[in-house]
Amino acid sequence: MFANRVLKMARHLGKWARRTGVSCYRIYDADIPEFPLAIDLYEDYLHVAEYKRRHSLTPEEYEAWQSGCIAVLSEVLEMPEENIFFKLREPQKGKAQYEKQAWEKRELSVGENGLRFWVNLSDYLDTGLFLDHRITRSKVREQAAGKRVLNLFAYTGSFTVYAAAGGARETTTIDLSNTYLEWAQEKPRAQRPGGPPTPLPARGCYRVAKTPFRRTLRPCHPRPSYLFQQQAHARRTRRAARSRGPHPGGA
């Protein structure tokens, strides 16, 4: 049942992906309760995250179940097991979700809507590109032409790349994590040749939101689990941005 479901969705979504120029997308999301997995395809690699749940398996049985899942995916998708990255997704406290879990640095350039992005499949719980933000990123590109764009809580800066590709006049990328700001500086190198440059990222989302910058488009997507000590900080940031409103002619 699990194998058939994965194969069916992979074939169905594969047609859509080839038509739209997307090479990274989710093919399975806990569709069957006995297999609580989120399976994302990144070109010729799989990123598999197990949603932690209660079960009655012994450690040996659980290891066999996990190995069996990997073997099934390898067979039905005709993919080497070494190209499958299996992780456990569980409720995180503090900064744990965004800390390194490995040091393999298995990085890959993937395509999305004509742009290229670096992802890290091995070292973090997340890869550096949230696939469920694809539609919103496209909307930013559609609205960015001629605008100054301020990307708050930017993670690795993919919204900035979309804004630049959409003809943004200027972009500013801000996050509280130096690690992700460094990653954001690398991302523009992966976008299509000839794209507009992205300015050096800065820090301090709340401080910048209160500053009367003339930004006409402001993507803002705070990550509460990372900002566990700064939840009020994030709320103030959004309030400050709303209180000023967009610059005339902005979105």
C-alpha atoms as a PDB file:
ATOM      1  CA  MET A   1       0.000   0.000   0.000  1.00  0.00           C
ATOM      2  CA  PHE A   2       2.771   2.425   0.958  1.00  0.00           C
ATOM      3  CA  ALA A   3       4.810   1.581  -2.133  1.00  0.00           C
ATOM      4  CA  ASN A   4       1.824   1.994  -4.452  1.00  0.00           C
ATOM      5  CA  ARG A   5       0.895   5.356  -2.926  1.00  0.00           C
ATOM      6  CA  VAL A   6       4.424   6.745  -3.247  1.00  0.00           C
ATOM      7  CA  LEU A   7       4.781   5.539  -6.826  1.00  0.00           C
ATOM      8  CA  LYS A   8       1.383   6.923  -7.841  1.00  0.00           C
ATOM      9  CA  MET A   9       2.064  10.368  -6.380  1.00  0.00           C
ATOM     10  CA  ALA A  10       5.614  10.501  -7.744  1.00  0.00           C
ATOM     11  CA  ARG A  11       4.366   9.803 -11.265  1.00  0.00           C
ATOM     12  CA  HIS A  12       1.464  12.232 -11.010  1.00  0.00           C
ATOM     13  CA  LEU A  13       3.486  15.107  -9.550  1.00  0.00           C
ATOM     14  CA  GLY A  14       6.437  14.374 -11.817  1.00  0.00           C
ATOM     15  CA  LYS A  15       4.379  15.426 -14.850  1.00  0.00           C
ATOM     16  CA  TRP A  16       3.446  18.702 -13.157  1.00  0.00           C
ATOM     17  CA  ALA A  17       7.048  19.338 -12.077  1.00  0.00           C
ATOM     18  CA  ARG A  18       8.473  18.848 -15.557  1.00  0.00           C
ATOM     19  CA  ARG A  19       5.820  21.149 -16.995  1.00  0.00           C
ATOM     20  CA  THR A  20       6.437  23.953 -14.480  1.00  0.00           C
ATOM     21  CA  GLY A  21      10.229  23.745 -14.142  1.00  0.00           C
ATOM     22  CA  VAL A  22      10.259  22.583 -10.519  1.00  0.00           C
ATOM     23  CA  SER A  23      12.757  19.942  -9.406  1.00  0.00           C
ATOM     24  CA  CYS A  24      12.001  19.876  -5.657  1.00  0.00           C
ATOM     25  CA  TYR A  25       8.567  19.025  -4.290  1.00  0.00           C
ATOM     26  CA  ARG A  26       6.723  16.811  -1.786  1.00  0.00           C
ATOM     27  CA  ILE A  27       5.444  13.488  -3.061  1.00  0.00           C
ATOM     28  CA  TYR A  28       4.023  12.053   0.163  1.00  0.00           C
ATOM     29  CA  ASP A  29       2.840  13.588   3.450  1.00  0.00           C
ATOM     30  CA  ALA A  30       1.761  10.978   6.009  1.00  0.00           C
ATOM     31  CA  ASP A  31      -0.994   9.805   3.651  1.00  0.00           C
ATOM     32  CA  ILE A  32      -1.096   6.407   5.401  1.00  0.00           C
ATOM     33  CA  PRO A  33      -1.152   6.471   9.243  1.00  0.00           C
ATOM     34  CA  GLU A  34       1.233   3.526   9.551  1.00  0.00           C
ATOM     35  CA  PHE A  35       3.826   5.488   7.557  1.00  0.00           C
ATOM     36  CA  PRO A  36       3.940   8.994   9.098  1.00  0.00           C
ATOM     37  CA  LEU A  37       6.542  10.390   6.731  1.00  0.00           C
ATOM     38  CA  ALA A  38       7.045  13.613   4.806  1.00  0.00           C
ATOM     39  CA  ILE A  39       8.881  12.692   1.617  1.00  0.00           C
ATOM     40  CA  ASP A  40      10.385  15.458  -0.499  1.00  0.00           C
ATOM     41  CA  LEU A  41      12.085  14.917  -3.835  1.00  0.00           C
ATOM     42  CA  TYR A  42      15.127  17.069  -4.588  1.00  0.00           C
ATOM     43  CA  GLU A  43      16.270  16.246  -8.118  1.00  0.00           C
ATOM     44  CA  ASP A  44      17.777  12.744  -7.728  1.00  0.00           C
ATOM     45  CA  TYR A  45      17.636  12.721  -3.919  1.00  0.00           C
ATOM     46  CA  LEU A  46      14.986  12.134  -1.269  1.00  0.00           C
ATOM     47  CA  HIS A  47      14.624  13.992   2.012  1.00  0.00           C
ATOM     48  CA  VAL A  48      12.472  11.876   4.340  1.00  0.00           C
ATOM     49  CA  ALA A  49      11.271  13.205   7.696  1.00  0.00           C
ATOM     50  CA  GLU A  50       9.428  10.923  10.073  1.00  0.00           C
ATOM     51  CA  TYR A  51       6.792  12.613  12.225  1.00  0.00           C
ATOM     52  CA  LYS A  52       7.496  11.329  15.722  1.00  0.00           C
ATOM     53  CA  ARG A  53       4.581   9.374  17.162  1.00  0.00           C
ATOM     54  CA  ARG A  54       3.896   6.825  19.850  1.00  0.00           C
ATOM     55  CA  HIS A  55       4.345   3.224  18.788  1.00  0.00           C
ATOM     56  CA  SER A  56       4.796  -0.162  20.377  1.00  0.00           C
ATOM     57  CA  LEU A  57       7.850  -1.211  18.374  1.00  0.00           C
ATOM     58  CA  THR A  58      10.983  -2.348  20.127  1.00  0.00           C
ATOM     59  CA  PRO A  59      14.221  -0.577  19.119  1.00  0.00           C
ATOM     60  CA  GLU A  60      15.062  -3.535  16.911  1.00  0.00           C
ATOM     61  CA  GLU A  61      11.625  -3.550  15.281  1.00  0.00           C
ATOM     62  CA  TYR A  62      11.730   0.197  14.745  1.00  0.00           C
ATOM     63  CA  GLU A  63      15.142  -0.029  13.084  1.00  0.00           C
ATOM     64  CA  ALA A  64      13.808  -2.769  10.807  1.00  0.00           C
ATOM     65  CA  TRP A  65      10.748  -0.614   9.962  1.00  0.00           C
ATOM     66  CA  GLN A  66      12.938   2.360   9.115  1.00  0.00           C
ATOM     67  CA  SER A  67      15.273   0.253   6.980  1.00  0.00           C
ATOM     68  CA  GLY A  68      12.244  -1.248   5.247  1.00  0.00           C
ATOM     69  CA  CYS A  69      10.875   2.194   4.403  1.00  0.00           C
ATOM     70  CA  ILE A  70      14.183   3.217   2.872  1.00  0.00           C
ATOM     71  CA  ALA A  71      14.384  -0.022   0.891  1.00  0.00           C
ATOM     72  CA  VAL A  72      10.845   0.430  -0.469  1.00  0.00           C
ATOM     73  CA  LEU A  73      11.527   4.012  -1.513  1.00  0.00           C
ATOM     74  CA  SER A  74      14.761   2.998  -3.171  1.00  0.00           C
ATOM     75  CA  GLU A  75      13.009   0.269  -5.142  1.00  0.00           C
ATOM     76  CA  VAL A  76       9.848   2.052  -6.294  1.00  0.00           C
ATOM     77  CA  LEU A  77      11.624   5.311  -7.164  1.00  0.00           C
ATOM     78  CA  GLU A  78      14.695   3.570  -8.577  1.00  0.00           C
ATOM     79  CA  MET A  79      16.979   5.592  -6.355  1.00  0.00           C
ATOM     80  CA  PRO A  80      20.169   4.453  -4.561  1.00  0.00           C
ATOM     81  CA  GLU A  81      19.734   4.222  -0.791  1.00  0.00           C
ATOM     82  CA  GLU A  82      22.722   6.527  -0.309  1.00  0.00           C
ATOM     83  CA  ASN A  83      20.624   9.259  -1.979  1.00  0.00           C
ATOM     84  CA  ILE A  84      17.916   8.995   0.696  1.00  0.00           C
ATOM     85  CA  PHE A  85      18.257  11.169   3.818  1.00  0.00           C
ATOM     86  CA  PHE A  86      16.071   9.971   6.698  1.00  0.00           C
ATOM     87  CA  LYS A  87      15.417  12.227   9.708  1.00  0.00           C
ATOM     88  CA  LEU A  88      13.121  12.319  12.720  1.00  0.00           C
ATOM     89  CA  ARG A  89      10.869  15.355  13.049  1.00  0.00           C
ATOM     90  CA  GLU A  90       9.661  15.950  16.591  1.00  0.00           C
ATOM     91  CA  PRO A  91       8.556  18.962  18.628  1.00  0.00           C
ATOM     92  CA  GLN A  92      11.619  21.129  19.150  1.00  0.00           C
ATOM     93  CA  LYS A  93      12.443  23.481  21.972  1.00  0.00           C
ATOM     94  CA  GLY A  94      14.398  26.646  21.517  1.00  0.00           C
ATOM     95  CA  LYS A  95      16.922  26.681  18.706  1.00  0.00           C
ATOM     96  CA  ALA A  96      17.223  22.896  18.391  1.00  0.00           C
ATOM     97  CA  GLN A  97      15.339  22.765  15.085  1.00  0.00           C
ATOM     98  CA  TYR A  98      17.869  25.080  13.470  1.00  0.00           C
ATOM     99  CA  GLU A  99      21.059  23.579  14.876  1.00  0.00           C
ATOM    100  CA  LYS A 100      23.335  21.250  12.985  1.00  0.00           C
ATOM    101  CA  GLN A 101      22.611  17.540  13.282  1.00  0.00           C
ATOM    102  CA  ALA A 102      25.440  16.356  11.051  1.00  0.00           C
ATOM    103  CA  TRP A 103      28.512  17.689   9.263  1.00  0.00           C
ATOM    104  CA  GLU A 104      28.341  15.858   5.942  1.00  0.00           C
ATOM    105  CA  LYS A 105      27.542  19.003   3.916  1.00  0.00           C
ATOM    106  CA  ARG A 106      25.606  17.161   1.212  1.00  0.00           C
ATOM    107  CA  GLU A 107      24.613  20.229  -0.773  1.00  0.00           C
ATOM    108  CA  LEU A 108      22.685  20.376  -4.014  1.00  0.00           C
ATOM    109  CA  SER A 109      21.483  23.046  -6.426  1.00  0.00           C
ATOM    110  CA  VAL A 110      17.781  22.590  -7.224  1.00  0.00           C
ATOM    111  CA  GLY A 111      15.442  24.336  -9.621  1.00  0.00           C
ATOM    112  CA  GLU A 112      12.201  26.153  -8.850  1.00  0.00           C
ATOM    113  CA  ASN A 113      10.314  28.292 -11.359  1.00  0.00           C
ATOM    114  CA  GLY A 114      13.407  29.109 -13.387  1.00  0.00           C
ATOM    115  CA  LEU A 115      15.613  29.877 -10.360  1.00  0.00           C
ATOM    116  CA  ARG A 116      18.295  27.767  -8.674  1.00  0.00           C
ATOM    117  CA  PHE A 117      18.791  27.347  -4.921  1.00  0.00           C
ATOM    118  CA  TRP A 118      21.345  25.616  -2.732  1.00  0.00           C
ATOM    119  CA  VAL A 119      19.913  23.099  -0.272  1.00  0.00           C
ATOM    120  CA  ASN A 120      21.672  21.068   2.397  1.00  0.00           C
ATOM    121  CA  LEU A 121      20.135  17.609   2.627  1.00  0.00           C
ATOM    122  CA  SER A 122      22.240  16.223   5.446  1.00  0.00           C
ATOM    123  CA  ASP A 123      23.184  18.650   8.181  1.00  0.00           C
ATOM    124  CA  TYR A 124      19.942  20.257   9.425  1.00  0.00           C
ATOM    125  CA  LEU A 125      16.403  19.105  10.097  1.00  0.00           C
ATOM    126  CA  ASP A 126      15.250  21.406   7.275  1.00  0.00           C
ATOM    127  CA  THR A 127      17.031  21.769   3.968  1.00  0.00           C
ATOM    128  CA  GLY A 128      17.171  25.569   3.599  1.00  0.00           C
ATOM    129  CA  LEU A 129      14.218  25.851   1.206  1.00  0.00           C
ATOM    130  CA  PHE A 130      10.652  25.552   2.525  1.00  0.00           C
ATOM    131  CA  LEU A 131       8.775  23.886  -0.326  1.00  0.00           C
ATOM    132  CA  ASP A 132       5.361  24.954   0.984  1.00  0.00           C
ATOM    133  CA  HIS A 133       6.288  28.619   0.442  1.00  0.00           C
ATOM    134  CA  ARG A 134       6.607  28.197  -3.324  1.00  0.00           C
ATOM    135  CA  ILE A 135       3.317  29.914  -4.201  1.00  0.00           C
ATOM    136  CA  THR A 136       4.014  32.837  -1.863  1.00  0.00           C
ATOM    137  CA  ARG A 137       7.512  33.250  -3.300  1.00  0.00           C
ATOM    138  CA  SER A 138       5.973  33.465  -6.759  1.00  0.00           C
ATOM    139  CA  LYS A 139       3.571  36.165  -5.588  1.00  0.00           C
ATOM    140  CA  VAL A 140       6.510  38.197  -4.272  1.00  0.00           C
ATOM    141  CA  ARG A 141       8.212  37.957  -7.657  1.00  0.00           C
ATOM    142  CA  GLU A 142       5.001  39.087  -9.374  1.00  0.00           C
ATOM    143  CA  GLN A 143       4.755  42.180  -7.157  1.00  0.00           C
ATOM    144  CA  ALA A 144       8.433  43.109  -6.817  1.00  0.00           C
ATOM    145  CA  ALA A 145       9.131  45.024 -10.031  1.00  0.00           C
ATOM    146  CA  GLY A 146      10.601  48.445  -9.261  1.00  0.00           C
ATOM    147  CA  LYS A 147      10.061  48.090  -5.511  1.00  0.00           C
ATOM    148  CA  ARG A 148      12.364  48.176  -2.503  1.00  0.00           C
ATOM    149  CA  VAL A 149      11.936  44.836  -0.741  1.00  0.00           C
ATOM    150  CA  LEU A 150      12.583  44.170   2.946  1.00  0.00           C
ATOM    151  CA  ASN A 151      12.684  40.432   3.742  1.00  0.00           C
ATOM    152  CA  LEU A 152      12.217  39.974   7.517  1.00  0.00           C
ATOM    153  CA  PHE A 153      12.991  36.701   9.343  1.00  0.00           C
ATOM    154  CA  ALA A 154      14.380  35.689   5.982  1.00  0.00           C
ATOM    155  CA  TYR A 155      15.833  32.243   6.857  1.00  0.00           C
ATOM    156  CA  THR A 156      18.116  31.561   3.881  1.00  0.00           C
ATOM    157  CA  GLY A 157      16.836  34.359   1.662  1.00  0.00           C
ATOM    158  CA  SER A 158      14.825  32.546  -1.015  1.00  0.00           C
ATOM    159  CA  PHE A 159      12.172  35.288  -1.020  1.00  0.00           C
ATOM    160  CA  THR A 160      14.936  37.790  -1.755  1.00  0.00           C
ATOM    161  CA  VAL A 161      16.069  35.799  -4.777  1.00  0.00           C
ATOM    162  CA  TYR A 162      12.497  35.761  -6.087  1.00  0.00           C
ATOM    163  CA  ALA A 163      12.158  39.502  -5.511  1.00  0.00           C
ATOM    164  CA  ALA A 164      15.407  40.154  -7.376  1.00  0.00           C
ATOM    165  CA  ALA A 165      14.254  37.943 -10.241  1.00  0.00           C
ATOM    166  CA  GLY A 166      11.021  39.928 -10.340  1.00  0.00           C
ATOM    167  CA  GLY A 167      12.905  43.165 -10.948  1.00  0.00           C
ATOM    168  CA  ALA A 168      13.096  44.580  -7.419  1.00  0.00           C
ATOM    169  CA  ARG A 169      14.834  47.939  -7.312  1.00  0.00           C
ATOM    170  CA  GLU A 170      16.576  47.070  -4.028  1.00  0.00           C
ATOM    171  CA  THR A 171      16.467  44.181  -1.539  1.00  0.00           C
ATOM    172  CA  THR A 172      17.409  43.873   2.130  1.00  0.00           C
ATOM    173  CA  THR A 173      17.568  40.449   3.779  1.00  0.00           C
ATOM    174  CA  ILE A 174      17.360  40.207   7.584  1.00  0.00           C
ATOM    175  CA  ASP A 175      17.448  37.309  10.027  1.00  0.00           C
ATOM    176  CA  LEU A 176      18.493  36.760  13.642  1.00  0.00           C
ATOM    177  CA  SER A 177      20.784  33.849  12.702  1.00  0.00           C
ATOM    178  CA  ASN A 178      24.288  34.534  11.390  1.00  0.00           C
ATOM    179  CA  THR A 179      24.368  31.007   9.980  1.00  0.00           C
ATOM    180  CA  TYR A 180      21.366  31.628   7.764  1.00  0.00           C
ATOM    181  CA  LEU A 181      22.544  35.090   6.782  1.00  0.00           C
ATOM    182  CA  GLU A 182      25.757  33.530   5.496  1.00  0.00           C
ATOM    183  CA  TRP A 183      23.676  30.971   3.627  1.00  0.00           C
ATOM    184  CA  ALA A 184      21.526  33.764   2.198  1.00  0.00           C
ATOM    185  CA  GLN A 185      24.641  35.404   0.759  1.00  0.00           C
ATOM    186  CA  GLU A 186      25.421  32.182  -1.085  1.00  0.00           C
ATOM    187  CA  LYS A 187      21.937  31.739  -2.536  1.00  0.00           C
ATOM    188  CA  PRO A 188      22.150  34.510  -5.145  1.00  0.00           C
ATOM    189  CA  ARG A 189      25.124  32.693  -6.635  1.00  0.00           C
ATOM    190  CA  ALA A 190      22.756  29.844  -7.494  1.00  0.00           C
ATOM    191  CA  GLN A 191      20.096  31.902  -9.226  1.00  0.00           C
ATOM    192  CA  ARG A 192      19.942  32.185 -12.966  1.00  0.00           C
ATOM    193  CA  PRO A 193      22.816  34.115 -14.594  1.00  0.00           C
ATOM    194  CA  GLY A 194      22.279  37.818 -15.038  1.00  0.00           C
ATOM    195  CA  GLY A 195      19.882  38.208 -12.116  1.00  0.00           C
ATOM    196  CA  PRO A 196      19.945  41.437 -10.089  1.00  0.00           C
ATOM    197  CA  PRO A 197      22.439  41.480  -7.186  1.00  0.00           C
ATOM    198  CA  THR A 198      21.253  41.048  -3.604  1.00  0.00           C
ATOM    199  CA  PRO A 199      22.688  43.437  -0.955  1.00  0.00           C
ATOM    200  CA  LEU A 200      24.543  42.097   2.054  1.00  0.00           C
ATOM    201  CA  PRO A 201      22.050  40.895   4.735  1.00  0.00           C
ATOM    202  CA  ALA A 202      21.716  42.706   8.068  1.00  0.00           C
ATOM    203  CA  ARG A 203      20.558  41.724  11.582  1.00  0.00           C
ATOM    204  CA  GLY A 204      17.908  42.839  14.031  1.00  0.00           C
ATOM    205  CA  CYS A 205      14.407  42.415  12.601  1.00  0.00           C
ATOM    206  CA  TYR A 206      12.591  44.484  15.213  1.00  0.00           C
ATOM    207  CA  ARG A 207      15.106  47.319  15.132  1.00  0.00           C
ATOM    208  CA  VAL A 208      14.861  47.525  11.352  1.00  0.00           C
ATOM    209  CA  ALA A 209      11.063  47.267  11.318  1.00  0.00           C
ATOM    210  CA  LYS A 210      10.866  50.311  13.592  1.00  0.00           C
ATOM    211  CA  THR A 211      13.256  52.274  11.389  1.00  0.00           C
ATOM    212  CA  PRO A 212      11.410  54.370   8.795  1.00  0.00           C
ATOM    213  CA  PHE A 213      12.838  52.533   5.813  1.00  0.00           C
ATOM    214  CA  ARG A 214      11.058  53.180   2.555  1.00  0.00           C
ATOM    215  CA  ARG A 215      10.358  49.569   1.679  1.00  0.00           C
ATOM    216  CA  THR A 216       7.350  48.911  -0.523  1.00  0.00           C
ATOM    217  CA  LEU A 217       7.169  45.125  -0.160  1.00  0.00           C
ATOM    218  CA  ARG A 218       7.868  43.338   3.129  1.00  0.00           C
ATOM    219  CA  PRO A 219       7.802  39.526   3.260  1.00  0.00           C
ATOM    220  CA  CYS A 220       7.778  38.601   6.963  1.00  0.00           C
ATOM    221  CA  HIS A 221       7.662  34.983   8.110  1.00  0.00           C
ATOM    222  CA  PRO A 222       8.977  34.549  11.688  1.00  0.00           C
ATOM    223  CA  ARG A 223       9.824  31.059  12.966  1.00  0.00           C
ATOM    224  CA  PRO A 224       8.336  30.788  16.500  1.00  0.00           C
ATOM    225  CA  SER A 225      10.294  27.683  17.505  1.00  0.00           C
ATOM    226  CA  TYR A 226      13.562  29.465  16.762  1.00  0.00           C
ATOM    227  CA  LEU A 227      12.463  32.687  18.402  1.00  0.00           C
ATOM    228  CA  PHE A 228      11.248  31.062  21.600  1.00  0.00           C
ATOM    229  CA  GLN A 229      12.646  33.890  23.694  1.00  0.00           C
ATOM    230  CA  GLN A 230      11.488  36.520  21.241  1.00  0.00           C
ATOM    231  CA  GLN A 231       7.833  35.748  20.519  1.00  0.00           C
ATOM    232  CA  ALA A 232       6.806  39.178  21.727  1.00  0.00           C
ATOM    233  CA  HIS A 233       9.679  40.526  19.617  1.00  0.00           C
ATOM    234  CA  ALA A 234       8.114  38.992  16.492  1.00  0.00           C
ATOM    235  CA  ARG A 235       4.676  40.378  17.320  1.00  0.00           C
ATOM    236  CA  ARG A 236       6.134  43.857  17.789  1.00  0.00           C
ATOM    237  CA  THR A 237       7.910  43.533  14.442  1.00  0.00           C
ATOM    238  CA  ARG A 238       4.696  42.804  12.589  1.00  0.00           C
ATOM    239  CA  ARG A 239       2.876  45.580  14.466  1.00  0.00           C
ATOM    240  CA  ALA A 240       5.615  48.073  13.639  1.00  0.00           C
ATOM    241  CA  ALA A 241       5.534  47.150   9.956  1.00  0.00           C
ATOM    242  CA  ARG A 242       1.731  47.398   9.798  1.00  0.00           C
ATOM    243  CA  SER A 243       1.610  50.701  11.682  1.00  0.00           C
ATOM    244  CA  ARG A 244       3.666  52.460   9.035  1.00  0.00           C
ATOM    245  CA  GLY A 245       1.915  50.784   6.133  1.00  0.00           C
ATOM    246  CA  PRO A 246       3.476  50.386   2.694  1.00  0.00           C
ATOM    247  CA  HIS A 247       5.119  53.213   0.883  1.00  0.00           C
ATOM    248  CA  PRO A 248       2.751  54.850  -1.651  1.00  0.00           C
ATOM    249  CA  GLY A 249       2.595  52.685  -4.725  1.00  0.00           C
ATOM    250  CA  GLY A 250       3.790  49.626  -2.802  1.00  0.00           C
ATOM    251  CA  ALA A 251       2.137  46.317  -2.015  1.00  0.00           C
END
